PDB file of all heavy atoms in Angstrom:
ATOM      1  N   ILE A   1       7.174  -0.345  -1.600  1.00  0.00           N
ATOM      2  CA  ILE A   1       5.751  -0.007  -1.225  1.00  0.00           C
ATOM      3  C   ILE A   1       5.590   0.302   0.192  1.00  0.00           C
ATOM      4  O   ILE A   1       4.750   1.070   0.664  1.00  0.00           O
ATOM      5  CB  ILE A   1       4.800  -1.200  -1.684  1.00  0.00           C
ATOM      6  CG1 ILE A   1       3.383  -0.735  -1.560  1.00  0.00           C
ATOM      7  CG2 ILE A   1       5.071  -2.466  -0.838  1.00  0.00           C
ATOM      8  CD1 ILE A   1       2.400  -1.836  -2.198  1.00  0.00           C
ATOM      9  N   SER A   2       6.516  -0.326   1.040  1.00  0.00           N
ATOM     10  CA  SER A   2       6.355  -0.049   2.514  1.00  0.00           C
ATOM     11  C   SER A   2       6.853   1.358   2.796  1.00  0.00           C
ATOM     12  O   SER A   2       6.432   1.926   3.847  1.00  0.00           O
ATOM     13  CB  SER A   2       7.291  -1.043   3.274  1.00  0.00           C
ATOM     14  OG  SER A   2       6.723  -2.335   3.152  1.00  0.00           O
ATOM     15  N   HIS A   3       7.740   2.004   2.005  1.00  0.00           N
ATOM     16  CA  HIS A   3       8.084   3.361   2.209  1.00  0.00           C
ATOM     17  C   HIS A   3       6.737   4.247   2.100  1.00  0.00           C
ATOM     18  O   HIS A   3       6.574   5.092   2.843  1.00  0.00           O
ATOM     19  CB  HIS A   3       9.053   3.856   1.202  1.00  0.00           C
ATOM     20  CG  HIS A   3      10.480   3.306   1.434  1.00  0.00           C
ATOM     21  ND1 HIS A   3      11.316   3.932   2.335  1.00  0.00           N
ATOM     22  CD2 HIS A   3      11.147   2.238   0.938  1.00  0.00           C
ATOM     23  CE1 HIS A   3      12.461   3.282   2.341  1.00  0.00           C
ATOM     24  NE2 HIS A   3      12.404   2.269   1.563  1.00  0.00           N
ATOM     25  N   TRP A   4       5.995   3.941   1.083  1.00  0.00           N
ATOM     26  CA  TRP A   4       4.670   4.651   0.920  1.00  0.00           C
ATOM     27  C   TRP A   4       3.796   4.391   2.066  1.00  0.00           C
ATOM     28  O   TRP A   4       3.101   5.346   2.573  1.00  0.00           O
ATOM     29  CB  TRP A   4       4.124   4.276  -0.361  1.00  0.00           C
ATOM     30  CG  TRP A   4       4.654   4.957  -1.648  1.00  0.00           C
ATOM     31  CD1 TRP A   4       5.288   4.347  -2.687  1.00  0.00           C
ATOM     32  CD2 TRP A   4       4.643   6.346  -1.929  1.00  0.00           C
ATOM     33  NE1 TRP A   4       5.668   5.257  -3.636  1.00  0.00           N
ATOM     34  CE2 TRP A   4       5.319   6.532  -3.191  1.00  0.00           C
ATOM     35  CE3 TRP A   4       4.149   7.459  -1.255  1.00  0.00           C
ATOM     36  CZ2 TRP A   4       5.436   7.777  -3.780  1.00  0.00           C
ATOM     37  CZ3 TRP A   4       4.307   8.724  -1.792  1.00  0.00           C
ATOM     38  CH2 TRP A   4       4.949   8.864  -3.080  1.00  0.00           C
ATOM     39  N   GLN A   5       3.686   3.178   2.464  1.00  0.00           N
ATOM     40  CA  GLN A   5       2.713   2.747   3.556  1.00  0.00           C
ATOM     41  C   GLN A   5       3.053   3.483   4.799  1.00  0.00           C
ATOM     42  O   GLN A   5       2.142   3.917   5.595  1.00  0.00           O
ATOM     43  CB  GLN A   5       2.668   1.284   3.724  1.00  0.00           C
ATOM     44  CG  GLN A   5       1.765   0.546   2.771  1.00  0.00           C
ATOM     45  CD  GLN A   5       0.373   0.980   2.845  1.00  0.00           C
ATOM     46  OE1 GLN A   5      -0.149   1.707   2.031  1.00  0.00           O
ATOM     47  NE2 GLN A   5      -0.299   0.497   3.899  1.00  0.00           N
ATOM     48  N   ARG A   6       4.357   3.737   5.069  1.00  0.00           N
ATOM     49  CA  ARG A   6       4.690   4.433   6.331  1.00  0.00           C
ATOM     50  C   ARG A   6       4.196   5.868   6.237  1.00  0.00           C
ATOM     51  O   ARG A   6       3.719   6.411   7.234  1.00  0.00           O
ATOM     52  CB  ARG A   6       6.205   4.411   6.454  1.00  0.00           C
ATOM     53  CG  ARG A   6       6.807   3.090   6.878  1.00  0.00           C
ATOM     54  CD  ARG A   6       8.365   3.132   6.941  1.00  0.00           C
ATOM     55  NE  ARG A   6       8.947   1.863   7.369  1.00  0.00           N
ATOM     56  CZ  ARG A   6      10.241   1.716   7.524  1.00  0.00           C
ATOM     57  NH1 ARG A   6      11.114   2.670   7.231  1.00  0.00           N
ATOM     58  NH2 ARG A   6      10.690   0.549   7.977  1.00  0.00           N
ATOM     59  N   LEU A   7       4.321   6.484   5.061  1.00  0.00           N
ATOM     60  CA  LEU A   7       3.845   7.818   4.920  1.00  0.00           C
ATOM     61  C   LEU A   7       2.312   7.931   5.015  1.00  0.00           C
ATOM     62  O   LEU A   7       1.781   8.839   5.702  1.00  0.00           O
ATOM     63  CB  LEU A   7       4.280   8.447   3.585  1.00  0.00           C
ATOM     64  CG  LEU A   7       5.768   8.752   3.350  1.00  0.00           C
ATOM     65  CD1 LEU A   7       5.928   9.232   1.890  1.00  0.00           C
ATOM     66  CD2 LEU A   7       6.177   9.843   4.274  1.00  0.00           C
ATOM     67  N   LEU A   8       1.682   7.021   4.395  1.00  0.00           N
ATOM     68  CA  LEU A   8       0.170   6.972   4.323  1.00  0.00           C
ATOM     69  C   LEU A   8      -0.452   6.694   5.686  1.00  0.00           C
ATOM     70  O   LEU A   8      -1.410   7.469   6.074  1.00  0.00           O
ATOM     71  CB  LEU A   8      -0.251   5.982   3.331  1.00  0.00           C
ATOM     72  CG  LEU A   8       0.032   6.234   1.808  1.00  0.00           C
ATOM     73  CD1 LEU A   8      -0.126   4.919   1.019  1.00  0.00           C
ATOM     74  CD2 LEU A   8      -0.785   7.356   1.281  1.00  0.00           C
ATOM     75  N   THR A   9       0.133   5.733   6.453  1.00  0.00           N
ATOM     76  CA  THR A   9      -0.486   5.458   7.734  1.00  0.00           C
ATOM     77  C   THR A   9      -0.245   6.463   8.762  1.00  0.00           C
ATOM     78  O   THR A   9      -0.940   6.576   9.715  1.00  0.00           O
ATOM     79  CB  THR A   9       0.034   4.047   8.179  1.00  0.00           C
ATOM     80  OG1 THR A   9       1.453   4.074   8.274  1.00  0.00           O
ATOM     81  CG2 THR A   9      -0.428   2.879   7.335  1.00  0.00           C
ATOM     82  N   SER A  10       0.791   7.318   8.520  1.00  0.00           N
ATOM     83  CA  SER A  10       1.101   8.371   9.540  1.00  0.00           C
ATOM     84  C   SER A  10       0.476   9.738   9.093  1.00  0.00           C
ATOM     85  O   SER A  10       0.655  10.758   9.734  1.00  0.00           O
ATOM     86  CB  SER A  10       2.589   8.551   9.706  1.00  0.00           C
ATOM     87  OG  SER A  10       3.142   8.959   8.446  1.00  0.00           O
ATOM     88  N   SER A  11      -0.264   9.755   7.964  1.00  0.00           N
ATOM     89  CA  SER A  11      -0.791  11.003   7.422  1.00  0.00           C
ATOM     90  C   SER A  11      -1.858  11.589   8.408  1.00  0.00           C
ATOM     91  O   SER A  11      -2.745  10.880   8.880  1.00  0.00           O
ATOM     92  CB  SER A  11      -1.520  10.756   6.070  1.00  0.00           C
ATOM     93  OG  SER A  11      -2.138  11.938   5.606  1.00  0.00           O
ATOM     94  N   SER A  12      -1.733  12.850   8.603  1.00  0.00           N
ATOM     95  CA  SER A  12      -2.728  13.607   9.393  1.00  0.00           C
ATOM     96  C   SER A  12      -3.712  14.347   8.480  1.00  0.00           C
ATOM     97  O   SER A  12      -4.630  15.074   8.938  1.00  0.00           O
ATOM     98  CB  SER A  12      -2.051  14.618  10.306  1.00  0.00           C
ATOM     99  OG  SER A  12      -1.347  15.581   9.548  1.00  0.00           O
ATOM    100  N   ALA A  13      -3.549  14.199   7.194  1.00  0.00           N
ATOM    101  CA  ALA A  13      -4.353  15.025   6.205  1.00  0.00           C
ATOM    102  C   ALA A  13      -5.585  14.178   5.758  1.00  0.00           C
ATOM    103  O   ALA A  13      -6.608  14.761   5.278  1.00  0.00           O
ATOM    104  CB  ALA A  13      -3.502  15.406   5.031  1.00  0.00           C
ATOM    105  N   ALA A  14      -5.507  12.882   5.836  1.00  0.00           N
ATOM    106  CA  ALA A  14      -6.653  12.029   5.350  1.00  0.00           C
ATOM    107  C   ALA A  14      -6.667  10.680   6.046  1.00  0.00           C
ATOM    108  O   ALA A  14      -5.664  10.165   6.531  1.00  0.00           O
ATOM    109  CB  ALA A  14      -6.549  11.881   3.863  1.00  0.00           C
ATOM    110  N   ASP A  15      -7.817  10.130   6.036  1.00  0.00           N
ATOM    111  CA  ASP A  15      -8.015   8.722   6.508  1.00  0.00           C
ATOM    112  C   ASP A  15      -7.828   7.834   5.296  1.00  0.00           C
ATOM    113  O   ASP A  15      -8.533   7.998   4.286  1.00  0.00           O
ATOM    114  CB  ASP A  15      -9.463   8.491   7.024  1.00  0.00           C
ATOM    115  CG  ASP A  15      -9.625   7.139   7.660  1.00  0.00           C
ATOM    116  OD1 ASP A  15      -8.686   6.442   7.778  1.00  0.00           O
ATOM    117  OD2 ASP A  15     -10.771   6.861   8.069  1.00  0.00           O
ATOM    118  N   VAL A  16      -6.914   6.906   5.267  1.00  0.00           N
ATOM    119  CA  VAL A  16      -6.490   6.187   4.068  1.00  0.00           C
ATOM    120  C   VAL A  16      -6.750   4.722   4.094  1.00  0.00           C
ATOM    121  O   VAL A  16      -6.487   4.058   5.197  1.00  0.00           O
ATOM    122  CB  VAL A  16      -4.971   6.425   3.843  1.00  0.00           C
ATOM    123  CG1 VAL A  16      -4.420   5.579   2.606  1.00  0.00           C
ATOM    124  CG2 VAL A  16      -4.669   7.933   3.601  1.00  0.00           C
ATOM    125  N   ASP A  17      -7.302   4.179   3.042  1.00  0.00           N
ATOM    126  CA  ASP A  17      -7.423   2.734   2.824  1.00  0.00           C
ATOM    127  C   ASP A  17      -6.534   2.430   1.636  1.00  0.00           C
ATOM    128  O   ASP A  17      -6.777   3.046   0.559  1.00  0.00           O
ATOM    129  CB  ASP A  17      -8.849   2.228   2.522  1.00  0.00           C
ATOM    130  CG  ASP A  17      -9.663   2.275   3.791  1.00  0.00           C
ATOM    131  OD1 ASP A  17      -9.167   2.294   4.891  1.00  0.00           O
ATOM    132  OD2 ASP A  17     -10.979   2.274   3.669  1.00  0.00           O
ATOM    133  N   SER A  18      -5.653   1.458   1.677  1.00  0.00           N
ATOM    134  CA  SER A  18      -4.721   1.115   0.568  1.00  0.00           C
ATOM    135  C   SER A  18      -5.095  -0.164  -0.109  1.00  0.00           C
ATOM    136  O   SER A  18      -5.593  -1.105   0.525  1.00  0.00           O
ATOM    137  CB  SER A  18      -3.299   1.083   1.065  1.00  0.00           C
ATOM    138  OG  SER A  18      -2.818   2.255   1.551  1.00  0.00           O
ATOM    139  N   PHE A  19      -4.866  -0.162  -1.406  1.00  0.00           N
ATOM    140  CA  PHE A  19      -5.145  -1.317  -2.145  1.00  0.00           C
ATOM    141  C   PHE A  19      -4.048  -1.509  -3.218  1.00  0.00           C
ATOM    142  O   PHE A  19      -3.324  -0.543  -3.540  1.00  0.00           O
ATOM    143  CB  PHE A  19      -6.479  -1.090  -2.986  1.00  0.00           C
ATOM    144  CG  PHE A  19      -7.627  -0.789  -2.102  1.00  0.00           C
ATOM    145  CD1 PHE A  19      -7.923   0.538  -1.698  1.00  0.00           C
ATOM    146  CD2 PHE A  19      -8.518  -1.842  -1.683  1.00  0.00           C
ATOM    147  CE1 PHE A  19      -9.082   0.756  -0.902  1.00  0.00           C
ATOM    148  CE2 PHE A  19      -9.588  -1.578  -0.892  1.00  0.00           C
ATOM    149  CZ  PHE A  19      -9.889  -0.343  -0.444  1.00  0.00           C
ATOM    150  N   VAL A  20      -3.908  -2.735  -3.718  1.00  0.00           N
ATOM    151  CA  VAL A  20      -2.842  -3.092  -4.662  1.00  0.00           C
ATOM    152  C   VAL A  20      -3.444  -3.892  -5.788  1.00  0.00           C
ATOM    153  O   VAL A  20      -4.259  -4.882  -5.559  1.00  0.00           O
ATOM    154  CB  VAL A  20      -1.700  -3.976  -3.958  1.00  0.00           C
ATOM    155  CG1 VAL A  20      -0.628  -4.343  -5.008  1.00  0.00           C
ATOM    156  CG2 VAL A  20      -1.041  -3.123  -2.841  1.00  0.00           C
ATOM    157  N   ILE A  21      -3.050  -3.618  -7.030  1.00  0.00           N
ATOM    158  CA  ILE A  21      -3.367  -4.563  -8.146  1.00  0.00           C
ATOM    159  C   ILE A  21      -2.029  -4.965  -8.680  1.00  0.00           C
ATOM    160  O   ILE A  21      -1.080  -4.276  -8.923  1.00  0.00           O
ATOM    161  CB  ILE A  21      -4.227  -3.874  -9.214  1.00  0.00           C
ATOM    162  CG1 ILE A  21      -4.608  -4.907 -10.323  1.00  0.00           C
ATOM    163  CG2 ILE A  21      -3.578  -2.656  -9.826  1.00  0.00           C
ATOM    164  CD1 ILE A  21      -5.695  -4.453 -11.212  1.00  0.00           C
ATOM    165  N   CYS A  22      -1.952  -6.409  -8.792  1.00  0.00           N
ATOM    166  CA  CYS A  22      -0.636  -6.975  -9.279  1.00  0.00           C
ATOM    167  C   CYS A  22      -1.057  -8.009 -10.279  1.00  0.00           C
ATOM    168  O   CYS A  22      -2.168  -8.308 -10.623  1.00  0.00           O
ATOM    169  CB  CYS A  22       0.094  -7.497  -8.104  1.00  0.00           C
ATOM    170  SG  CYS A  22      -0.729  -8.954  -7.295  1.00  0.00           S
ATOM    171  N   ASN A  23       0.014  -8.700 -10.861  1.00  0.00           N
ATOM    172  CA  ASN A  23      -0.244  -9.803 -11.788  1.00  0.00           C
ATOM    173  C   ASN A  23      -0.154 -11.183 -11.062  1.00  0.00           C
ATOM    174  O   ASN A  23       0.190 -11.229  -9.938  1.00  0.00           O
ATOM    175  CB  ASN A  23       0.777  -9.704 -12.946  1.00  0.00           C
ATOM    176  CG  ASN A  23       2.260  -9.824 -12.484  1.00  0.00           C
ATOM    177  OD1 ASN A  23       2.633 -10.698 -11.784  1.00  0.00           O
ATOM    178  ND2 ASN A  23       3.036  -8.827 -12.888  1.00  0.00           N
ATOM    179  N   GLN A  24      -0.561 -12.152 -11.769  1.00  0.00           N
ATOM    180  CA  GLN A  24      -0.614 -13.498 -11.275  1.00  0.00           C
ATOM    181  C   GLN A  24       0.758 -14.013 -10.865  1.00  0.00           C
ATOM    182  O   GLN A  24       0.889 -14.630  -9.816  1.00  0.00           O
ATOM    183  CB  GLN A  24      -1.285 -14.487 -12.190  1.00  0.00           C
ATOM    184  CG  GLN A  24      -1.492 -15.815 -11.684  1.00  0.00           C
ATOM    185  CD  GLN A  24      -2.451 -16.626 -12.474  1.00  0.00           C
ATOM    186  OE1 GLN A  24      -3.516 -16.214 -12.859  1.00  0.00           O
ATOM    187  NE2 GLN A  24      -2.092 -17.926 -12.764  1.00  0.00           N
ATOM    188  N   ALA A  25       1.760 -13.740 -11.676  1.00  0.00           N
ATOM    189  CA  ALA A  25       3.133 -14.188 -11.267  1.00  0.00           C
ATOM    190  C   ALA A  25       3.603 -13.650 -10.049  1.00  0.00           C
ATOM    191  O   ALA A  25       4.326 -14.353  -9.218  1.00  0.00           O
ATOM    192  CB  ALA A  25       4.106 -13.820 -12.467  1.00  0.00           C
ATOM    193  N   ASN A  26       3.258 -12.400  -9.664  1.00  0.00           N
ATOM    194  CA  ASN A  26       3.765 -11.838  -8.426  1.00  0.00           C
ATOM    195  C   ASN A  26       2.817 -11.767  -7.282  1.00  0.00           C
ATOM    196  O   ASN A  26       3.188 -11.387  -6.171  1.00  0.00           O
ATOM    197  CB  ASN A  26       4.180 -10.325  -8.732  1.00  0.00           C
ATOM    198  CG  ASN A  26       5.373 -10.215  -9.696  1.00  0.00           C
ATOM    199  OD1 ASN A  26       6.254 -11.117  -9.771  1.00  0.00           O
ATOM    200  ND2 ASN A  26       5.510  -9.129 -10.423  1.00  0.00           N
ATOM    201  N   TYR A  27       1.601 -12.343  -7.510  1.00  0.00           N
ATOM    202  CA  TYR A  27       0.627 -12.360  -6.515  1.00  0.00           C
ATOM    203  C   TYR A  27       1.106 -13.047  -5.189  1.00  0.00           C
ATOM    204  O   TYR A  27       0.912 -12.437  -4.033  1.00  0.00           O
ATOM    205  CB  TYR A  27      -0.657 -12.975  -6.981  1.00  0.00           C
ATOM    206  CG  TYR A  27      -1.828 -12.953  -6.025  1.00  0.00           C
ATOM    207  CD1 TYR A  27      -2.287 -11.859  -5.485  1.00  0.00           C
ATOM    208  CD2 TYR A  27      -2.428 -14.141  -5.797  1.00  0.00           C
ATOM    209  CE1 TYR A  27      -3.331 -11.827  -4.579  1.00  0.00           C
ATOM    210  CE2 TYR A  27      -3.531 -14.176  -4.835  1.00  0.00           C
ATOM    211  CZ  TYR A  27      -3.982 -13.002  -4.285  1.00  0.00           C
ATOM    212  OH  TYR A  27      -5.022 -13.086  -3.443  1.00  0.00           O
ATOM    213  N   PRO A  28       1.779 -14.141  -5.238  1.00  0.00           N
ATOM    214  CA  PRO A  28       2.248 -14.756  -4.057  1.00  0.00           C
ATOM    215  C   PRO A  28       3.162 -13.915  -3.240  1.00  0.00           C
ATOM    216  O   PRO A  28       3.064 -13.894  -1.963  1.00  0.00           O
ATOM    217  CB  PRO A  28       2.915 -16.080  -4.468  1.00  0.00           C
ATOM    218  CG  PRO A  28       2.250 -16.404  -5.801  1.00  0.00           C
ATOM    219  CD  PRO A  28       1.995 -15.044  -6.425  1.00  0.00           C
ATOM    220  N   GLN A  29       3.986 -13.135  -3.954  1.00  0.00           N
ATOM    221  CA  GLN A  29       4.984 -12.242  -3.212  1.00  0.00           C
ATOM    222  C   GLN A  29       4.176 -11.186  -2.475  1.00  0.00           C
ATOM    223  O   GLN A  29       4.553 -10.835  -1.287  1.00  0.00           O
ATOM    224  CB  GLN A  29       5.900 -11.509  -4.209  1.00  0.00           C
ATOM    225  CG  GLN A  29       6.742 -12.402  -4.980  1.00  0.00           C
ATOM    226  CD  GLN A  29       7.661 -11.560  -5.996  1.00  0.00           C
ATOM    227  OE1 GLN A  29       8.117 -10.508  -5.606  1.00  0.00           O
ATOM    228  NE2 GLN A  29       7.871 -12.093  -7.173  1.00  0.00           N
ATOM    229  N   PHE A  30       3.125 -10.636  -3.093  1.00  0.00           N
ATOM    230  CA  PHE A  30       2.371  -9.547  -2.389  1.00  0.00           C
ATOM    231  C   PHE A  30       1.558 -10.118  -1.249  1.00  0.00           C
ATOM    232  O   PHE A  30       1.440  -9.472  -0.184  1.00  0.00           O
ATOM    233  CB  PHE A  30       1.476  -8.820  -3.431  1.00  0.00           C
ATOM    234  CG  PHE A  30       2.197  -7.897  -4.273  1.00  0.00           C
ATOM    235  CD1 PHE A  30       2.599  -8.206  -5.577  1.00  0.00           C
ATOM    236  CD2 PHE A  30       2.542  -6.523  -3.811  1.00  0.00           C
ATOM    237  CE1 PHE A  30       3.271  -7.295  -6.359  1.00  0.00           C
ATOM    238  CE2 PHE A  30       3.159  -5.675  -4.651  1.00  0.00           C
ATOM    239  CZ  PHE A  30       3.555  -5.999  -5.869  1.00  0.00           C
TER     240      PHE A  30
END
C-alpha cells in the first residue's frame, strides 16, 4: 500500500485524500 501512497502523495494531477477499509482481524496491523 505504501508503493501506492508514494505515487498518490506526489501526484501533480489531483489533490488526494486516502482511505482504507479492512477487516477486524487485520485492523491492528493497519
